[in-house]
């Protein structure tokens, strides 16, 4: 008996194979931080890192495009780049 993959889709849905599913988490499934809350968290992070809060806030916001497209392999690498520039 061979294996068969029965299509269980409703008749109005074309049968397709998907290789991936992409979720837009932030602002869709996960609520966004308010600007005030984001700045508070970044100031706390700056204090823990011993970096000037105003620089960390600015550099965190400036590196958003790189985070969004995956330029930084980890969040630690991203934090390392702006903490090095803010000292």
C-alpha atoms as a PDB file:
ATOM      1  CA  UNK A   1       0.000   0.000   0.000  1.00  0.00           C
ATOM      2  CA  UNK A   2       1.614   3.282  -1.123  1.00  0.00           C
ATOM      3  CA  UNK A   3       1.353   6.487   0.849  1.00  0.00           C
ATOM      4  CA  UNK A   4      -1.025   9.082  -0.466  1.00  0.00           C
ATOM      5  CA  UNK A   5      -1.466  12.667   0.560  1.00  0.00           C
ATOM      6  CA  UNK A   6      -5.139  13.440   0.395  1.00  0.00           C
ATOM      7  CA  UNK A   7      -5.976  17.075  -0.269  1.00  0.00           C
ATOM      8  CA  UNK A   8      -8.201  18.153   2.612  1.00  0.00           C
ATOM      9  CA  UNK A   9      -8.618  21.736   1.374  1.00  0.00           C
ATOM     10  CA  UNK A  10     -12.131  23.013   0.684  1.00  0.00           C
ATOM     11  CA  UNK A  11     -12.953  22.795  -3.029  1.00  0.00           C
ATOM     12  CA  UNK A  12     -12.716  26.587  -3.489  1.00  0.00           C
ATOM     13  CA  UNK A  13      -9.094  26.684  -2.211  1.00  0.00           C
ATOM     14  CA  UNK A  14      -6.475  25.763  -4.824  1.00  0.00           C
ATOM     15  CA  UNK A  15      -4.173  22.927  -3.776  1.00  0.00           C
ATOM     16  CA  UNK A  16      -0.691  24.330  -3.188  1.00  0.00           C
ATOM     17  CA  UNK A  17       2.393  23.389  -1.257  1.00  0.00           C
ATOM     18  CA  UNK A  18       3.922  25.898   1.100  1.00  0.00           C
ATOM     19  CA  UNK A  19       7.590  25.921   2.020  1.00  0.00           C
ATOM     20  CA  UNK A  20       7.204  28.548   4.730  1.00  0.00           C
ATOM     21  CA  UNK A  21       4.740  30.583   6.718  1.00  0.00           C
ATOM     22  CA  UNK A  22       5.581  34.167   7.636  1.00  0.00           C
ATOM     23  CA  UNK A  23       4.011  35.867  10.634  1.00  0.00           C
ATOM     24  CA  UNK A  24       4.018  39.620  11.102  1.00  0.00           C
ATOM     25  CA  UNK A  25       4.278  39.622  14.887  1.00  0.00           C
ATOM     26  CA  UNK A  26       4.826  43.205  15.965  1.00  0.00           C
ATOM     27  CA  UNK A  27       1.760  45.365  15.751  1.00  0.00           C
ATOM     28  CA  UNK A  28      -0.298  42.401  14.552  1.00  0.00           C
ATOM     29  CA  UNK A  29      -0.013  39.446  16.932  1.00  0.00           C
ATOM     30  CA  UNK A  30       2.137  41.225  19.540  1.00  0.00           C
ATOM     31  CA  UNK A  31       1.181  44.763  20.581  1.00  0.00           C
ATOM     32  CA  UNK A  32       3.775  47.473  19.947  1.00  0.00           C
ATOM     33  CA  UNK A  33       5.413  49.307  22.825  1.00  0.00           C
ATOM     34  CA  UNK A  34       4.327  52.895  23.259  1.00  0.00           C
ATOM     35  CA  UNK A  35       7.126  55.363  22.475  1.00  0.00           C
ATOM     36  CA  UNK A  36       7.328  56.329  26.158  1.00  0.00           C
ATOM     37  CA  UNK A  37       7.562  52.681  27.252  1.00  0.00           C
ATOM     38  CA  UNK A  38      10.194  51.922  24.606  1.00  0.00           C
ATOM     39  CA  UNK A  39      12.342  54.863  25.707  1.00  0.00           C
ATOM     40  CA  UNK A  40      12.000  53.807  29.367  1.00  0.00           C
ATOM     41  CA  UNK A  41      13.191  50.270  28.547  1.00  0.00           C
ATOM     42  CA  UNK A  42      16.082  51.595  26.445  1.00  0.00           C
ATOM     43  CA  UNK A  43      17.143  53.954  29.270  1.00  0.00           C
ATOM     44  CA  UNK A  44      17.113  51.025  31.702  1.00  0.00           C
ATOM     45  CA  UNK A  45      19.193  49.014  29.241  1.00  0.00           C
ATOM     46  CA  UNK A  46      21.652  51.916  28.860  1.00  0.00           C
ATOM     47  CA  UNK A  47      22.023  52.173  32.634  1.00  0.00           C
ATOM     48  CA  UNK A  48      22.792  48.446  32.876  1.00  0.00           C
ATOM     49  CA  UNK A  49      25.359  48.784  30.080  1.00  0.00           C
ATOM     50  CA  UNK A  50      26.909  51.940  31.521  1.00  0.00           C
ATOM     51  CA  UNK A  51      26.157  53.857  28.333  1.00  0.00           C
ATOM     52  CA  UNK A  52      24.586  57.330  27.965  1.00  0.00           C
ATOM     53  CA  UNK A  53      20.802  56.795  27.681  1.00  0.00           C
ATOM     54  CA  UNK A  54      20.234  59.447  24.989  1.00  0.00           C
ATOM     55  CA  UNK A  55      22.833  57.802  22.729  1.00  0.00           C
ATOM     56  CA  UNK A  56      21.409  54.316  23.257  1.00  0.00           C
ATOM     57  CA  UNK A  57      17.887  55.509  22.437  1.00  0.00           C
ATOM     58  CA  UNK A  58      19.068  57.262  19.264  1.00  0.00           C
ATOM     59  CA  UNK A  59      21.280  54.389  18.112  1.00  0.00           C
ATOM     60  CA  UNK A  60      18.602  51.771  18.871  1.00  0.00           C
ATOM     61  CA  UNK A  61      16.124  53.678  16.729  1.00  0.00           C
ATOM     62  CA  UNK A  62      18.767  54.244  14.023  1.00  0.00           C
ATOM     63  CA  UNK A  63      19.538  50.507  13.790  1.00  0.00           C
ATOM     64  CA  UNK A  64      15.891  49.453  13.391  1.00  0.00           C
ATOM     65  CA  UNK A  65      16.213  48.918   9.609  1.00  0.00           C
ATOM     66  CA  UNK A  66      19.137  46.525  10.142  1.00  0.00           C
ATOM     67  CA  UNK A  67      17.211  44.575  12.823  1.00  0.00           C
ATOM     68  CA  UNK A  68      14.141  44.420  10.612  1.00  0.00           C
ATOM     69  CA  UNK A  69      15.982  42.769   7.719  1.00  0.00           C
ATOM     70  CA  UNK A  70      18.225  40.500   9.797  1.00  0.00           C
ATOM     71  CA  UNK A  71      21.564  42.253   9.290  1.00  0.00           C
ATOM     72  CA  UNK A  72      22.535  41.463  12.873  1.00  0.00           C
ATOM     73  CA  UNK A  73      22.842  37.717  13.499  1.00  0.00           C
ATOM     74  CA  UNK A  74      21.804  38.195  17.161  1.00  0.00           C
ATOM     75  CA  UNK A  75      20.415  40.944  19.350  1.00  0.00           C
ATOM     76  CA  UNK A  76      23.693  40.838  21.276  1.00  0.00           C
ATOM     77  CA  UNK A  77      25.592  41.813  18.123  1.00  0.00           C
ATOM     78  CA  UNK A  78      23.177  44.707  17.567  1.00  0.00           C
ATOM     79  CA  UNK A  79      23.558  45.908  21.168  1.00  0.00           C
ATOM     80  CA  UNK A  80      27.328  45.560  20.884  1.00  0.00           C
ATOM     81  CA  UNK A  81      27.436  47.821  17.838  1.00  0.00           C
ATOM     82  CA  UNK A  82      25.562  50.680  19.398  1.00  0.00           C
ATOM     83  CA  UNK A  83      27.115  50.416  22.843  1.00  0.00           C
ATOM     84  CA  UNK A  84      30.576  50.576  21.234  1.00  0.00           C
ATOM     85  CA  UNK A  85      29.523  53.708  19.297  1.00  0.00           C
ATOM     86  CA  UNK A  86      27.883  55.390  22.296  1.00  0.00           C
ATOM     87  CA  UNK A  87      30.891  55.275  24.642  1.00  0.00           C
END
